[in-house]
Amino acid sequence: MGTPRVSNTVRRSVALARSLVRDAAKAAPPELRKNLNRLITVALREYVERRRQAEFRAAMEAMAADPAIRAECAAIDAAFRVAERDGLPG
């Protein structure tokens, strides 16, 4: 007897408002309208992606506002400005 396999699927029972399910089905592409499991999976993936993008954007904004990072970027820009004057075409 081997070790039991661990499933990659999580099964949960959730209660959703009927109006939410109806609105989600109306907004969903045709191929997802009749498959609630797939619709929820796609919606959760989109949610995760939006959250990741928002977190990345917030991190970039924090870096852009950081005086030390701004100073370093200015130093790098100054160093490359010298190389831009090397006479090579654009």
C-alpha atoms as a PDB file:
ATOM      1  CA  MET A   1       0.000   0.000   0.000  1.00  0.00           C
ATOM      2  CA  GLY A   2       1.404   3.350  -1.046  1.00  0.00           C
ATOM      3  CA  THR A   3       0.805   6.697   0.431  1.00  0.00           C
ATOM      4  CA  PRO A   4      -2.619   8.154  -0.321  1.00  0.00           C
ATOM      5  CA  ARG A   5      -2.769  10.658  -3.145  1.00  0.00           C
ATOM      6  CA  VAL A   6      -3.505  14.233  -2.241  1.00  0.00           C
ATOM      7  CA  SER A   7      -6.099  15.799  -4.494  1.00  0.00           C
ATOM      8  CA  ASN A   8      -5.501  19.201  -6.048  1.00  0.00           C
ATOM      9  CA  THR A   9      -9.215  19.910  -5.797  1.00  0.00           C
ATOM     10  CA  VAL A  10     -10.760  21.589  -2.784  1.00  0.00           C
ATOM     11  CA  ARG A  11     -14.439  20.885  -2.334  1.00  0.00           C
ATOM     12  CA  ARG A  12     -16.477  23.403  -0.381  1.00  0.00           C
ATOM     13  CA  SER A  13     -20.141  24.003   0.042  1.00  0.00           C
ATOM     14  CA  VAL A  14     -20.960  27.688  -0.163  1.00  0.00           C
ATOM     15  CA  ALA A  15     -24.202  29.614   0.033  1.00  0.00           C
ATOM     16  CA  LEU A  16     -24.566  32.255  -2.661  1.00  0.00           C
ATOM     17  CA  ALA A  17     -27.345  34.758  -3.052  1.00  0.00           C
ATOM     18  CA  ARG A  18     -29.613  33.726  -5.910  1.00  0.00           C
ATOM     19  CA  SER A  19     -29.467  37.262  -7.308  1.00  0.00           C
ATOM     20  CA  LEU A  20     -25.650  37.134  -7.350  1.00  0.00           C
ATOM     21  CA  VAL A  21     -25.653  33.825  -9.239  1.00  0.00           C
ATOM     22  CA  ARG A  22     -28.238  35.187 -11.687  1.00  0.00           C
ATOM     23  CA  ASP A  23     -26.252  38.398 -12.277  1.00  0.00           C
ATOM     24  CA  ALA A  24     -22.997  36.475 -12.664  1.00  0.00           C
ATOM     25  CA  ALA A  25     -24.583  34.126 -15.197  1.00  0.00           C
ATOM     26  CA  LYS A  26     -25.952  37.077 -17.175  1.00  0.00           C
ATOM     27  CA  ALA A  27     -22.543  38.765 -17.244  1.00  0.00           C
ATOM     28  CA  ALA A  28     -20.648  35.559 -18.041  1.00  0.00           C
ATOM     29  CA  PRO A  29     -19.623  34.502 -21.530  1.00  0.00           C
ATOM     30  CA  PRO A  30     -22.029  31.962 -23.046  1.00  0.00           C
ATOM     31  CA  GLU A  31     -19.724  28.991 -22.415  1.00  0.00           C
ATOM     32  CA  LEU A  32     -19.763  29.661 -18.656  1.00  0.00           C
ATOM     33  CA  ARG A  33     -23.424  30.533 -18.099  1.00  0.00           C
ATOM     34  CA  LYS A  34     -24.620  27.007 -17.408  1.00  0.00           C
ATOM     35  CA  ASN A  35     -21.562  25.775 -15.491  1.00  0.00           C
ATOM     36  CA  LEU A  36     -21.498  27.454 -12.084  1.00  0.00           C
ATOM     37  CA  ASN A  37     -18.375  25.594 -10.949  1.00  0.00           C
ATOM     38  CA  ARG A  38     -16.399  26.774 -13.950  1.00  0.00           C
ATOM     39  CA  LEU A  39     -17.825  30.290 -13.708  1.00  0.00           C
ATOM     40  CA  ILE A  40     -16.725  30.585 -10.073  1.00  0.00           C
ATOM     41  CA  THR A  41     -13.286  29.155 -10.915  1.00  0.00           C
ATOM     42  CA  VAL A  42     -12.783  31.722 -13.692  1.00  0.00           C
ATOM     43  CA  ALA A  43     -14.066  34.534 -11.464  1.00  0.00           C
ATOM     44  CA  LEU A  44     -11.699  33.575  -8.645  1.00  0.00           C
ATOM     45  CA  ARG A  45      -8.730  33.389 -11.015  1.00  0.00           C
ATOM     46  CA  GLU A  46      -9.581  36.843 -12.365  1.00  0.00           C
ATOM     47  CA  TYR A  47      -9.912  38.146  -8.796  1.00  0.00           C
ATOM     48  CA  VAL A  48      -6.504  36.755  -7.830  1.00  0.00           C
ATOM     49  CA  GLU A  49      -4.907  38.301 -10.922  1.00  0.00           C
ATOM     50  CA  ARG A  50      -6.475  41.714 -10.206  1.00  0.00           C
ATOM     51  CA  ARG A  51      -5.228  41.550  -6.596  1.00  0.00           C
ATOM     52  CA  ARG A  52      -1.705  40.633  -7.739  1.00  0.00           C
ATOM     53  CA  GLN A  53      -1.698  43.515 -10.209  1.00  0.00           C
ATOM     54  CA  ALA A  54      -2.952  45.915  -7.536  1.00  0.00           C
ATOM     55  CA  GLU A  55      -0.248  44.754  -5.110  1.00  0.00           C
ATOM     56  CA  PHE A  56       2.424  45.141  -7.792  1.00  0.00           C
ATOM     57  CA  ARG A  57       1.140  48.612  -8.676  1.00  0.00           C
ATOM     58  CA  ALA A  58       1.195  49.618  -5.001  1.00  0.00           C
ATOM     59  CA  ALA A  59       4.764  48.321  -4.631  1.00  0.00           C
ATOM     60  CA  MET A  60       5.858  50.261  -7.733  1.00  0.00           C
ATOM     61  CA  GLU A  61       4.202  53.433  -6.418  1.00  0.00           C
ATOM     62  CA  ALA A  62       5.941  52.989  -3.060  1.00  0.00           C
ATOM     63  CA  MET A  63       9.280  52.523  -4.798  1.00  0.00           C
ATOM     64  CA  ALA A  64       8.661  55.581  -6.987  1.00  0.00           C
ATOM     65  CA  ALA A  65       8.027  57.654  -3.867  1.00  0.00           C
ATOM     66  CA  ASP A  66      11.102  56.363  -1.990  1.00  0.00           C
ATOM     67  CA  PRO A  67      13.794  59.083  -1.932  1.00  0.00           C
ATOM     68  CA  ALA A  68      16.657  56.561  -1.893  1.00  0.00           C
ATOM     69  CA  ILE A  69      15.328  54.742  -4.949  1.00  0.00           C
ATOM     70  CA  ARG A  70      14.675  58.033  -6.732  1.00  0.00           C
ATOM     71  CA  ALA A  71      18.281  59.107  -6.043  1.00  0.00           C
ATOM     72  CA  GLU A  72      19.633  55.804  -7.364  1.00  0.00           C
ATOM     73  CA  CYS A  73      17.502  56.088 -10.518  1.00  0.00           C
ATOM     74  CA  ALA A  74      18.785  59.640 -11.049  1.00  0.00           C
ATOM     75  CA  ALA A  75      22.389  58.416 -10.721  1.00  0.00           C
ATOM     76  CA  ILE A  76      21.787  55.607 -13.213  1.00  0.00           C
ATOM     77  CA  ASP A  77      20.104  58.059 -15.600  1.00  0.00           C
ATOM     78  CA  ALA A  78      23.078  60.428 -15.343  1.00  0.00           C
ATOM     79  CA  ALA A  79      25.502  57.591 -16.092  1.00  0.00           C
ATOM     80  CA  PHE A  80      23.556  56.534 -19.168  1.00  0.00           C
ATOM     81  CA  ARG A  81      23.176  60.125 -20.364  1.00  0.00           C
ATOM     82  CA  VAL A  82      26.944  60.139 -20.940  1.00  0.00           C
ATOM     83  CA  ALA A  83      26.650  57.013 -23.087  1.00  0.00           C
ATOM     84  CA  GLU A  84      23.891  58.631 -25.154  1.00  0.00           C
ATOM     85  CA  ARG A  85      26.385  61.212 -26.362  1.00  0.00           C
ATOM     86  CA  ASP A  86      28.609  58.567 -27.962  1.00  0.00           C
ATOM     87  CA  GLY A  87      27.720  59.730 -31.472  1.00  0.00           C
ATOM     88  CA  LEU A  88      26.026  56.527 -32.605  1.00  0.00           C
ATOM     89  CA  PRO A  89      22.760  56.948 -34.495  1.00  0.00           C
ATOM     90  CA  GLY A  90      19.574  56.446 -32.491  1.00  0.00           C
END
